[in-house]
Protein backbone atom coordinates (compact mmCIF):
# COMPACT_ATOMS: atom_id res chain seq x y z
CA PHE A 1 107.42 -75.63 -74.52
CA GLU A 2 105.12 -77.92 -76.32
CA PHE A 3 105.22 -80.34 -78.84
CA ASP A 4 102.12 -80.37 -81.40
CA PRO A 5 100.34 -83.35 -80.85
CA ARG A 6 99.29 -83.45 -84.58
CA THR A 7 102.90 -83.50 -85.84
CA THR A 8 105.01 -84.88 -83.35
CA PRO A 9 105.22 -88.97 -82.93
CA THR A 10 104.24 -90.71 -79.81
CA LEU A 11 106.21 -92.86 -77.39
CA VAL A 12 105.28 -95.94 -79.21
CA GLN A 13 106.06 -94.50 -82.70
CA VAL A 14 109.25 -93.27 -81.45
CA TYR A 15 109.95 -96.72 -79.76
CA LEU A 16 109.12 -98.55 -82.82
CA GLN A 17 111.60 -96.26 -85.23
CA ALA A 18 114.51 -96.81 -82.33
CA THR A 19 113.65 -100.67 -82.87
CA ASN A 20 113.56 -100.76 -86.59
CA ALA A 21 116.64 -98.57 -86.59
CA THR A 22 118.57 -100.79 -84.17
CA MET A 23 117.42 -103.97 -86.59
CA VAL A 24 119.12 -102.16 -89.59
CA VAL A 25 122.34 -101.53 -87.90
CA LEU A 26 122.41 -105.11 -86.41
CA THR A 27 121.76 -106.58 -89.65
CA ASN A 28 124.24 -104.74 -91.57
CA PHE A 29 126.95 -105.36 -88.88
CA ILE A 30 126.27 -109.22 -89.13
CA LEU A 31 126.61 -108.86 -92.79
CA TYR A 32 129.68 -106.91 -92.66
CA TYR A 33 131.48 -109.42 -90.19
CA LYS A 34 130.18 -112.72 -92.47
CA VAL A 35 131.62 -110.83 -95.38
CA LEU A 36 135.01 -110.47 -93.98
CA ARG A 37 135.01 -114.04 -92.71
CA GLY A 38 134.43 -115.35 -96.26
CA ASP A 39 131.09 -116.95 -95.00
CA PHE A 40 129.09 -115.20 -97.80
CA PRO A 41 130.23 -114.61 -101.31
CA GLU A 42 131.67 -111.34 -101.67
CA TRP A 43 128.73 -110.32 -104.02
CA LEU A 44 129.26 -106.95 -102.51
CA PRO A 45 132.42 -105.74 -101.32
CA ALA A 46 132.87 -105.64 -97.41
CA PRO A 47 133.73 -101.65 -97.55
CA TYR A 48 130.79 -100.81 -99.44
CA ILE A 49 128.47 -102.46 -96.88
CA PRO A 50 128.70 -99.77 -93.97
CA MET A 51 127.85 -97.18 -96.93
CA LEU A 52 124.29 -98.90 -96.55
CA LEU A 53 123.77 -97.43 -93.67
CA VAL A 54 124.70 -93.96 -94.83
CA ALA A 55 122.33 -94.70 -97.95
CA SER A 56 119.31 -95.73 -95.79
CA THR A 57 120.03 -92.66 -92.84
CA LEU A 58 119.62 -90.01 -95.74
CA VAL A 59 116.59 -91.71 -97.32
CA TRP A 60 115.13 -91.84 -93.58
CA SER A 61 116.40 -88.12 -93.43
CA LEU A 62 114.39 -87.46 -96.80
CA PHE A 63 111.02 -88.65 -95.72
CA ASN A 64 111.20 -86.96 -92.12
CA ARG A 65 112.72 -83.64 -93.41
CA LYS A 66 110.13 -81.67 -91.60
CA HIS A 67 110.90 -83.26 -88.24
CA ILE A 68 114.84 -82.96 -89.16
CA TYR A 69 113.94 -79.22 -89.65
CA LYS A 70 112.63 -78.76 -86.67
CA ALA A 71 115.48 -80.41 -84.79
CA MET A 72 117.90 -78.34 -86.98
CA CYS A 73 116.47 -75.28 -85.82
CA VAL A 74 116.74 -75.92 -81.84
CA VAL A 75 120.37 -76.90 -82.73
CA TYR A 76 120.85 -73.55 -84.56
CA GLU A 77 119.66 -71.98 -81.21
CA VAL A 78 121.99 -73.83 -79.22
CA ILE A 79 125.31 -73.17 -81.56
CA ALA A 80 124.12 -69.58 -81.94
CA LEU A 81 125.29 -69.03 -78.23
CA LEU A 82 128.41 -68.92 -79.78
CA TRP A 83 127.76 -65.47 -80.82
CA LEU A 84 125.50 -64.76 -77.94
CA GLY A 85 122.26 -64.68 -80.15
CA GLY A 86 120.97 -67.78 -79.22
CA GLU A 87 117.79 -67.95 -76.86
CA VAL A 88 117.99 -69.99 -73.57
CA ASN A 89 114.58 -71.70 -72.71
CA PHE A 90 113.79 -75.32 -71.81
CA LEU A 91 113.90 -76.80 -74.94
CA THR A 92 117.40 -75.33 -75.67
CA ALA A 93 118.59 -76.15 -72.30
CA PHE A 94 117.40 -79.52 -72.59
CA VAL A 95 119.15 -80.22 -75.99
CA ALA A 96 122.20 -78.74 -74.87
CA ASP A 97 122.28 -80.77 -71.71
CA VAL A 98 121.74 -83.75 -73.93
CA PHE A 99 124.72 -82.58 -76.11
CA THR A 100 126.80 -83.26 -72.90
CA SER A 101 125.96 -86.67 -72.83
CA MET A 102 126.50 -87.46 -76.37
CA VAL A 103 130.25 -86.64 -76.98
CA LYS A 104 131.38 -89.97 -77.35
CA VAL A 105 128.54 -90.15 -79.97
CA PHE A 106 129.71 -87.17 -81.60
CA VAL A 107 133.34 -88.03 -81.81
CA ASP A 108 132.37 -91.31 -83.41
CA ILE A 109 129.93 -89.36 -85.96
CA ALA A 110 133.54 -87.16 -86.79
CA TYR A 111 135.45 -90.11 -87.07
CA THR A 112 132.76 -91.79 -89.65
CA LEU A 113 132.66 -88.42 -91.50
CA CYS A 114 136.43 -88.35 -91.44
CA VAL A 115 136.76 -92.19 -92.85
CA LEU A 116 133.85 -91.38 -95.40
CA PHE A 117 135.11 -88.31 -96.85
CA THR A 118 138.73 -89.03 -96.89
CA GLY A 119 138.05 -92.69 -98.81
CA SER A 120 139.43 -94.79 -96.47
CA TRP A 121 136.50 -96.75 -96.30
CA LEU A 122 137.31 -98.17 -99.89
CA SER A 123 140.09 -100.16 -98.27
CA ASN A 124 140.16 -103.08 -95.83
CA ALA A 125 143.28 -101.71 -94.33
CA ASP A 126 142.51 -100.47 -91.02
CA ASP A 127 146.06 -98.71 -91.22
CA LEU A 128 144.85 -96.58 -93.60
CA SER A 129 141.77 -94.94 -91.61
CA ARG A 130 144.13 -94.91 -88.91
CA LYS A 131 146.68 -92.69 -90.74
CA ARG A 132 144.09 -90.35 -92.08
CA CYS A 133 141.76 -90.10 -89.24
CA ALA A 134 142.55 -91.54 -85.60
CA HIS A 135 146.04 -90.61 -85.86
CA ASN A 136 145.72 -87.54 -87.92
CA TYR A 137 146.87 -84.47 -86.29
CA TRP A 138 144.06 -82.09 -87.00
CA PHE A 139 141.37 -84.80 -86.24
CA LYS A 140 142.89 -85.93 -82.81
CA ASN A 141 143.96 -82.26 -81.48
CA VAL A 142 141.69 -79.83 -83.38
CA VAL A 143 138.31 -81.86 -84.26
CA VAL A 144 138.17 -84.35 -81.39
CA VAL A 145 138.92 -81.57 -78.97
CA LEU A 146 136.11 -79.17 -80.38
CA VAL A 147 133.42 -82.18 -80.39
CA THR A 148 134.56 -82.93 -76.68
CA VAL A 149 134.46 -79.14 -75.42
CA LEU A 150 131.99 -77.43 -77.36
CA PRO A 151 128.73 -79.04 -75.66
CA LEU A 152 129.97 -78.07 -72.25
CA TYR A 153 130.90 -74.55 -73.77
CA PHE A 154 127.36 -74.24 -74.90
CA ARG A 155 125.97 -74.96 -71.08
CA LEU A 156 128.17 -72.69 -69.80
CA LEU A 157 127.12 -69.80 -72.30
CA GLN A 158 123.10 -70.79 -71.49
CA ASN A 159 124.30 -69.93 -67.71
CA ILE A 160 126.12 -66.80 -68.40
CA LYS A 161 123.38 -65.60 -70.58
CA LEU A 162 120.64 -66.55 -67.94
CA TYR A 163 122.82 -64.80 -65.36
CA ARG A 164 122.79 -61.50 -67.24
CA LYS A 165 119.11 -61.80 -67.73
CA TYR A 166 118.05 -62.50 -64.28
CA LYS A 167 120.92 -61.07 -62.30
CA ARG A 168 120.96 -63.86 -60.21
CA PRO A 169 124.28 -65.60 -58.91
CA TYR A 170 122.73 -68.43 -57.56
CA PRO A 171 122.06 -71.00 -59.38
CA PHE A 172 123.07 -69.70 -62.61
CA LEU A 173 126.77 -68.97 -61.79
CA ALA A 174 127.15 -71.72 -60.14
CA ASN A 175 125.85 -74.24 -62.30
CA ALA A 176 128.49 -72.37 -64.77
CA MET A 177 131.08 -73.15 -62.48
CA LYS A 178 130.14 -76.76 -62.89
CA TYR A 179 130.58 -76.70 -66.68
CA VAL A 180 134.01 -74.35 -65.99
CA VAL A 181 135.54 -77.27 -63.89
CA SER A 182 134.44 -80.15 -66.76
CA LEU A 183 135.93 -78.02 -69.42
CA ALA A 184 139.26 -77.83 -67.59
CA VAL A 185 138.92 -81.96 -67.27
CA SER A 186 138.42 -82.16 -71.15
CA LEU A 187 141.20 -79.86 -72.20
CA PHE A 188 143.59 -81.62 -69.73
CA SER A 189 142.60 -84.87 -71.03
CA SER A 190 142.73 -83.45 -74.41
CA LEU A 191 146.65 -81.98 -74.27
CA HIS A 192 147.81 -85.20 -72.76
CA GLY A 193 149.86 -86.18 -75.88
CA ALA A 194 151.96 -82.70 -75.91
CA VAL A 195 153.20 -83.22 -72.05
CA ASN A 196 156.71 -83.87 -71.39
CA ASP A 197 157.91 -86.79 -69.79
CA ASP A 198 159.49 -84.41 -66.94
CA ASP A 199 156.14 -82.66 -66.44
CA GLU A 200 154.14 -85.98 -66.57
CA GLY A 201 153.74 -86.21 -62.74
CA ALA A 202 152.80 -82.83 -62.15
CA TYR A 203 150.35 -82.98 -65.26
CA PHE A 204 148.92 -86.19 -63.59
CA GLY A 205 148.22 -84.78 -60.26
CA ILE A 206 146.90 -81.79 -61.63
CA TYR A 207 144.39 -83.90 -63.92
CA LEU A 208 143.23 -86.36 -60.84
CA THR A 209 142.51 -83.05 -58.84
CA LEU A 210 140.31 -81.50 -61.85
CA THR A 211 138.67 -84.62 -62.22
CA PHE A 212 137.53 -85.06 -58.58
CA MET A 213 136.24 -81.72 -58.46
CA ALA A 214 134.08 -82.24 -61.45
CA THR A 215 132.92 -85.28 -60.07
CA VAL A 216 132.02 -84.33 -56.87
CA TYR A 217 130.57 -81.08 -58.22
CA SER A 218 128.34 -82.94 -60.75
CA TYR A 219 127.30 -85.35 -58.26
CA VAL A 220 126.24 -82.87 -55.49
CA TRP A 221 124.38 -80.94 -58.09
CA ASP A 222 122.72 -83.33 -59.95
CA VAL A 223 121.35 -84.64 -55.91
CA TYR A 224 120.57 -81.39 -54.33
CA MET A 225 119.58 -79.39 -57.47
CA ASP A 226 118.20 -81.64 -59.89
CA TRP A 227 116.84 -84.11 -57.57
CA GLY A 228 115.81 -82.30 -54.75
CA LEU A 229 117.34 -84.51 -52.45
CA GLY A 230 118.89 -83.14 -49.03
CA ARG A 231 116.98 -79.78 -48.91
CA PRO A 232 115.25 -78.95 -46.01
CA ALA A 233 112.30 -77.46 -47.54
CA HIS A 234 111.66 -80.62 -48.66
CA GLY A 235 112.04 -82.59 -45.69
CA GLY A 236 115.77 -83.47 -46.40
């Protein structure tokens, strides 16, 4: 794929936007911390200060709606794999691969949305947000699990779809197995709270085994396939 140079920001522009966004977040964090400590007059209640980030994000999205629309179209192609309607190309594979590295970010976004829409941000008490979000059954056992598993599942579906298209077990099915093992690790980690004390030892042993397999599998795949190291055709 190729980006249109007439509408695509340059690397310098992207760097400047990221720098400006970082400065806004850091300033907001310092202001929030200072108000909580009482160093600044509470002309604006502390719970409202983080909402300035939400407002600034919405304003930025409004001014960059064309780029947001294009990005959402690519995200839709990735999500459409749930009903096998999405298209697998370099761009969608790249985006889905990036998603697998952003699981923690997605969990933080989900938590932020939970705090926002449940009204927990209106209170300074941390117990309220923990009760409504962090320790909430549906958030902890459904939302977090889905956010953790879905990016891996998308990459698994992409490899299966490529195998069905090209009928080549290698590398597509081999790559799919990497995500199968990673999915197993994520699911076992998410279900830890439901394990009985009597089964803790067996659970821990299985979890360590799967984690070891996933780590070695991903490492070998990255070094051999993605980096091309150790291949006889490339001189080892």
